[in-house]
Protein backbone atom coordinates (compact mmCIF):
# COMPACT_ATOMS: atom_id res chain seq x y z
CA MET A 1 0.18 0.08 0.03
CA ILE A 2 1.38 3.36 -0.90
CA ILE A 3 0.82 5.98 1.76
CA ARG A 4 0.79 9.60 0.24
CA PRO A 5 2.81 12.45 1.07
CA LYS A 6 0.66 14.05 3.06
CA VAL A 7 -0.58 11.31 5.29
CA LYS A 8 2.96 10.62 6.44
CA PRO A 9 2.91 13.36 8.94
CA VAL A 10 -0.01 12.57 9.82
CA LEU A 11 0.81 9.51 10.90
CA ALA A 12 3.86 10.86 12.87
CA TYR A 13 2.02 12.87 14.61
CA LEU A 14 -0.61 10.20 15.79
CA ALA A 15 2.39 7.88 16.63
CA LEU A 16 3.45 10.78 19.21
CA ILE A 17 0.58 12.12 20.03
CA VAL A 18 -1.09 8.90 21.47
CA PRO A 19 1.60 7.66 23.76
CA SER A 20 2.35 11.16 25.19
CA THR A 21 -1.49 11.85 26.00
CA LEU A 22 -1.13 8.45 28.09
CA VAL A 23 1.85 9.60 29.77
CA LEU A 24 0.47 13.32 30.13
CA LEU A 25 -2.83 11.29 31.91
CA GLY A 26 -0.86 9.96 34.51
CA PHE A 27 1.23 12.94 35.49
CA LEU A 28 -2.52 14.56 35.45
CA TRP A 29 -4.15 12.04 37.83
CA LEU A 30 -0.89 12.46 40.02
CA LEU A 31 -1.63 16.20 40.45
CA ILE A 32 -4.86 16.09 41.31
CA THR A 33 -4.47 13.29 43.48
CA SER A 34 -2.08 15.10 45.64
CA PHE A 35 -4.25 17.99 45.99
CA SER A 36 -7.54 15.85 46.81
CA THR A 37 -8.74 14.01 49.64
CA ARG A 38 -10.37 11.45 47.31
CA THR A 39 -10.29 10.84 43.44
CA GLU A 40 -13.08 9.14 41.13
CA GLY A 41 -10.59 9.02 37.82
CA LEU A 42 -9.72 12.13 36.99
CA ARG A 43 -12.44 13.75 39.29
CA SER A 44 -11.46 15.22 42.15
CA LEU A 45 -13.95 14.41 45.34
CA GLY A 46 -12.66 17.46 47.53
CA TRP A 47 -9.44 19.25 47.72
CA THR A 48 -7.20 20.06 49.98
CA LEU A 49 -3.41 20.87 51.24
CA HIS A 50 -3.34 17.85 53.92
CA ASN A 51 -1.64 15.80 51.87
CA TRP A 52 1.27 18.42 51.98
CA ARG A 53 1.78 18.65 55.24
CA PHE A 54 5.19 16.67 55.03
CA LEU A 55 6.69 20.04 53.72
CA TRP A 56 6.21 21.72 56.84
CA GLU A 57 5.67 19.00 59.91
CA SER A 58 7.32 15.33 59.76
CA PRO A 59 4.22 13.02 59.36
CA PHE A 60 6.12 10.10 61.01
CA GLY A 61 7.12 12.00 64.27
CA PRO A 62 9.83 14.59 65.74
CA GLY A 63 12.52 12.19 65.84
CA TYR A 64 12.22 11.90 62.20
CA PRO A 65 14.44 13.91 59.80
CA SER A 66 12.61 16.42 57.73
CA VAL A 67 11.65 16.29 54.07
CA TRP A 68 14.27 19.12 53.22
CA ARG A 69 17.13 17.20 54.99
CA ILE A 70 16.29 14.11 52.95
CA THR A 71 16.23 16.40 49.57
CA LEU A 72 19.45 17.43 50.58
CA ASN A 73 20.90 14.30 50.59
CA THR A 74 19.32 12.91 47.54
CA LEU A 75 20.61 15.96 45.93
CA LEU A 76 24.13 15.65 47.10
CA MET A 77 24.17 12.09 46.06
CA SER A 78 22.93 12.77 42.69
CA LEU A 79 25.34 15.38 42.04
CA ILE A 80 28.05 13.72 43.28
CA MET A 81 27.35 10.85 40.90
CA THR A 82 26.51 12.88 38.00
CA VAL A 83 29.82 15.14 38.30
CA ILE A 84 32.38 12.13 38.90
CA VAL A 85 30.74 9.72 36.31
CA VAL A 86 30.67 12.66 33.20
CA VAL A 87 34.49 13.50 34.05
CA VAL A 88 36.04 10.06 34.59
CA SER A 89 33.71 8.87 31.66
CA SER A 90 34.68 11.64 29.19
CA MET A 91 38.32 11.25 29.92
CA THR A 92 38.14 7.54 29.76
CA GLY A 93 35.98 7.47 26.81
CA TYR A 94 38.47 10.43 24.95
CA ALA A 95 41.44 8.14 25.68
CA LEU A 96 39.66 4.57 24.48
CA ALA A 97 38.58 6.67 21.53
CA ARG A 98 41.85 8.92 20.68
CA MET A 99 44.96 6.83 21.88
CA LYS A 100 46.33 3.51 21.15
CA PHE A 101 47.88 1.58 24.03
CA PRO A 102 48.49 -1.79 24.92
CA GLY A 103 45.03 -3.80 26.57
CA ARG A 104 43.02 -0.88 25.07
CA LYS A 105 40.71 -3.59 23.44
CA SER A 106 40.64 -5.85 26.42
CA PHE A 107 39.46 -3.06 28.79
CA LEU A 108 36.84 -2.11 26.15
CA SER A 109 35.44 -5.68 26.52
CA LEU A 110 35.79 -5.26 30.55
CA THR A 111 33.60 -2.68 30.83
CA LEU A 112 30.92 -3.89 28.78
CA ILE A 113 31.20 -7.11 30.87
CA LEU A 114 30.90 -5.27 34.07
CA HIS A 115 27.59 -3.13 32.93
CA ALA A 116 25.88 -6.29 31.73
CA PHE A 117 27.44 -8.18 35.41
CA PRO A 118 24.34 -8.33 37.74
CA SER A 119 24.92 -5.65 40.50
CA VAL A 120 23.09 -7.45 43.27
CA THR A 121 25.78 -10.09 43.28
CA LEU A 122 28.16 -7.67 44.51
CA LEU A 123 26.24 -6.00 47.46
CA ILE A 124 27.86 -8.00 49.78
CA PRO A 125 31.49 -7.24 49.07
CA ILE A 126 30.94 -3.64 48.94
CA TYR A 127 29.12 -3.48 52.52
CA PHE A 128 32.44 -5.15 53.65
CA VAL A 129 34.26 -2.57 51.65
CA LEU A 130 32.19 0.13 52.97
CA LEU A 131 32.53 -1.04 56.57
CA TRP A 132 36.34 -0.87 55.77
CA ILE A 133 36.45 2.68 54.77
CA THR A 134 34.43 3.62 57.56
CA LYS A 135 37.20 2.95 60.04
CA ILE A 136 39.55 5.71 57.99
CA PRO A 137 39.81 8.74 60.15
CA PHE A 138 37.55 11.78 59.00
CA ILE A 139 36.82 9.76 55.09
CA GLY A 140 34.92 7.25 56.68
CA ARG A 141 33.07 9.41 59.01
CA GLY A 142 32.86 12.98 59.69
CA VAL A 143 32.77 14.88 56.19
CA PRO A 144 30.14 17.86 56.68
CA LEU A 145 26.93 17.14 55.20
CA LEU A 146 27.96 14.06 53.35
CA GLY A 147 28.84 12.26 56.74
CA GLY A 148 31.93 10.65 54.87
CA PHE A 149 32.33 7.78 52.45
CA GLY A 150 32.03 4.62 54.74
CA TYR A 151 29.04 2.63 55.07
CA ASN A 152 25.63 4.66 56.29
CA THR A 153 26.53 7.72 54.78
CA VAL A 154 25.75 9.75 51.65
CA GLY A 155 28.77 10.12 50.36
CA GLY A 156 29.68 6.29 50.57
CA VAL A 157 26.32 5.10 48.63
CA ALA A 158 27.35 7.80 45.99
CA LEU A 159 30.69 6.32 45.10
CA VAL A 160 29.09 2.42 45.02
CA MET A 161 26.58 4.19 42.46
CA VAL A 162 29.44 5.67 40.65
CA ALA A 163 30.98 2.45 40.32
CA PHE A 164 27.96 1.02 38.46
CA GLN A 165 27.69 3.50 36.27
CA LEU A 166 30.64 4.28 35.38
CA PRO A 167 31.15 1.17 32.38
CA PHE A 168 28.08 2.47 30.79
CA GLY A 169 29.24 6.64 30.93
CA ILE A 170 32.43 5.50 29.28
CA TRP A 171 30.87 3.35 26.40
CA ILE A 172 28.32 6.60 25.85
CA MET A 173 31.44 9.19 25.82
CA LYS A 174 33.44 6.84 23.73
CA GLY A 175 30.57 6.80 21.09
CA PHE A 176 30.64 10.38 21.24
CA PHE A 177 34.22 10.97 20.39
CA ASP A 178 34.15 8.77 17.65
CA ASN A 179 31.75 11.11 15.61
CA ILE A 180 34.35 13.92 15.79
CA SER A 181 36.28 14.67 13.07
CA TRP A 182 40.30 14.47 13.64
CA ASP A 183 41.04 17.65 11.81
CA MET A 184 40.61 19.97 14.66
CA GLU A 185 42.51 18.01 17.27
CA ARG A 186 45.35 17.47 14.72
CA SER A 187 45.79 20.67 14.08
CA ALA A 188 45.99 21.88 17.75
CA LEU A 189 48.50 18.86 18.58
CA ILE A 190 50.66 20.15 15.20
CA ASP A 191 50.40 23.85 16.76
CA GLY A 192 51.88 22.35 20.24
CA ALA A 193 48.87 21.69 22.34
CA SER A 194 48.99 19.15 25.10
CA ARG A 195 46.42 16.65 25.07
CA PHE A 196 44.72 17.75 27.81
CA LYS A 197 43.94 21.50 26.61
CA VAL A 198 42.90 19.23 23.60
CA TRP A 199 40.35 17.46 25.14
CA TRP A 200 39.15 20.23 27.46
CA GLN A 201 39.08 23.21 24.92
CA ILE A 202 38.72 21.47 21.69
CA ILE A 203 36.97 18.47 22.06
CA MET A 204 34.65 18.71 24.78
CA PRO A 205 32.87 21.67 23.47
CA ASN A 206 31.79 19.57 20.40
CA ILE A 207 30.22 16.85 22.42
CA LYS A 208 27.69 19.00 24.88
CA PRO A 209 24.76 16.80 23.77
CA GLY A 210 26.91 13.75 25.01
CA VAL A 211 27.61 15.41 28.30
CA ALA A 212 23.94 16.53 28.44
CA ALA A 213 22.67 13.05 28.14
CA LEU A 214 25.07 11.19 30.51
CA SER A 215 24.55 14.10 33.24
CA VAL A 216 20.94 13.29 32.97
CA PHE A 217 21.18 9.80 32.52
CA SER A 218 23.24 9.75 36.00
CA PHE A 219 21.24 11.91 37.83
CA LEU A 220 17.98 10.35 36.89
CA THR A 221 19.76 7.02 38.03
CA ALA A 222 21.01 8.57 41.53
CA TRP A 223 17.60 10.24 42.17
CA ASN A 224 15.75 7.43 41.84
CA ALA A 225 17.95 5.03 43.23
CA TYR A 226 16.08 2.27 45.96
CA LEU A 227 18.20 -0.45 46.28
CA ILE A 228 21.73 0.48 46.56
CA PRO A 229 20.55 3.06 49.49
CA LEU A 230 18.28 0.66 51.43
CA THR A 231 20.99 -1.74 51.06
CA PHE A 232 24.08 0.16 52.33
CA MET A 233 22.19 2.83 54.80
CA VAL A 234 20.69 1.74 58.36
CA GLY A 235 16.79 1.83 58.28
CA ARG A 236 14.48 4.58 56.42
CA SER A 237 14.79 6.92 59.14
CA GLY A 238 18.21 8.03 59.60
CA LYS A 239 20.18 11.03 58.43
CA SER A 240 21.42 9.58 55.49
CA ALA A 241 17.89 8.76 54.30
CA VAL A 242 17.03 9.70 50.41
CA LEU A 243 13.52 10.24 48.99
CA SER A 244 13.18 7.06 48.14
CA LEU A 245 13.51 5.23 51.20
CA TYR A 246 11.21 8.56 52.74
CA LEU A 247 8.62 7.62 50.42
CA GLN A 248 8.37 3.72 51.43
CA ASN A 249 7.80 4.88 54.69
CA PHE A 250 4.29 6.13 53.15
CA ILE A 251 3.30 2.03 52.19
CA SER A 252 2.92 -0.28 55.22
CA GLU A 253 1.76 -3.96 55.49
CA SER A 254 -0.09 -3.50 58.74
CA VAL A 255 -1.74 0.31 58.52
CA MET A 256 -3.73 1.56 55.73
CA THR A 257 -1.91 3.48 53.07
CA GLU A 258 -2.45 7.20 52.30
CA TRP A 259 -2.33 6.84 48.47
CA ASN A 260 -3.01 10.98 48.34
CA ALA A 261 -0.11 11.33 50.22
CA VAL A 262 2.44 9.11 48.31
CA ALA A 263 1.26 10.86 45.20
CA ALA A 264 2.38 14.05 46.83
CA VAL A 265 5.55 12.78 47.80
CA GLY A 266 6.22 11.35 44.41
CA LEU A 267 5.24 14.76 42.69
CA PHE A 268 7.16 16.55 45.08
CA GLN A 269 10.48 13.91 43.89
CA LEU A 270 9.73 14.50 40.53
CA ILE A 271 10.27 18.59 40.61
CA PRO A 272 13.76 18.71 40.85
CA VAL A 273 14.03 15.99 37.91
CA VAL A 274 12.34 18.36 35.64
CA VAL A 275 14.46 21.38 36.82
CA PHE A 276 17.51 19.42 35.82
CA PHE A 277 16.10 18.79 32.28
CA LEU A 278 14.85 22.25 31.88
CA PHE A 279 18.51 23.31 31.85
CA THR A 280 20.21 20.52 29.64
CA GLN A 281 17.58 20.10 27.19
CA GLU A 282 18.61 22.44 24.66
CA ALA A 283 22.01 20.31 24.49
CA LEU A 284 20.05 17.21 24.52
CA LEU A 285 17.69 18.39 21.47
CA ASN A 286 21.27 18.94 19.48
CA ILE A 287 22.30 15.31 20.31
CA TYR A 288 22.61 14.79 16.42
CA GLY A 289 24.81 17.84 15.84
CA GLY A 290 28.40 17.47 15.44
CA GLY A 291 31.73 17.17 13.32
CA LYS A 292 32.37 14.29 11.15
CA LYS A 293 33.04 10.98 12.40
CA GLY A 294 36.70 9.99 13.16
CA GLY A 295 38.57 6.77 14.22
CA VAL A 296 41.76 5.24 15.25
């Protein structure tokens, strides 16, 4: 069957609008539910701010950390992971894409295997490593805001998540470096520029979409992480708790769950993600821009 040229754009828009509408309806339901006592579909049966009381008082008692402290923990963990993953992945990806050295192909294969390796099997060894780091003065415990880099600290959980995210980040950044032409780089090297100067001043500005994409993936992974914080933090009510663990406290097997409050906390957790995306969307939309493909 031959599709007329005028029909093709209509089909393309329909293919985008239908799935997007379903997603938007889900977010609309979340918004209505968070401000309602009860809902019937998308219709509110009574408006209220009671579901948002966690913003000014703790719903779990006076001894529980405020949602703002927990949000700060989550933000710090996400930013640490994003910065380290982007910096290390971009430097490693550049070396793998532009330099020839012994063991290069083996290292690439190893990173792919590490990315495919199930992280849950490493939780017990990592637990003992974090316990060992906890015994180190100041580094293990005592770092302001982060608590340290050992067990039951924001910094320790961030480092674990960095280790799991790096193989993926290295492959992503190598792919972007491979698509950059060698011409500018060779000219700079002939003029006497160092490898670091070429990487920082010439190559990195040309892969801003890749940096933005990896930043978004890393930030979302850390912001929504649940298993790793649950494993390496004591309980869900400590000073090192994050938003995913905070949200879990609203769901209980012995007490009736306030799903309207769960919707409010979920919407609150979504706000920083939207803000982060707004700051990176311009680079993401230019993800297919760049130089010609190069290679080694």
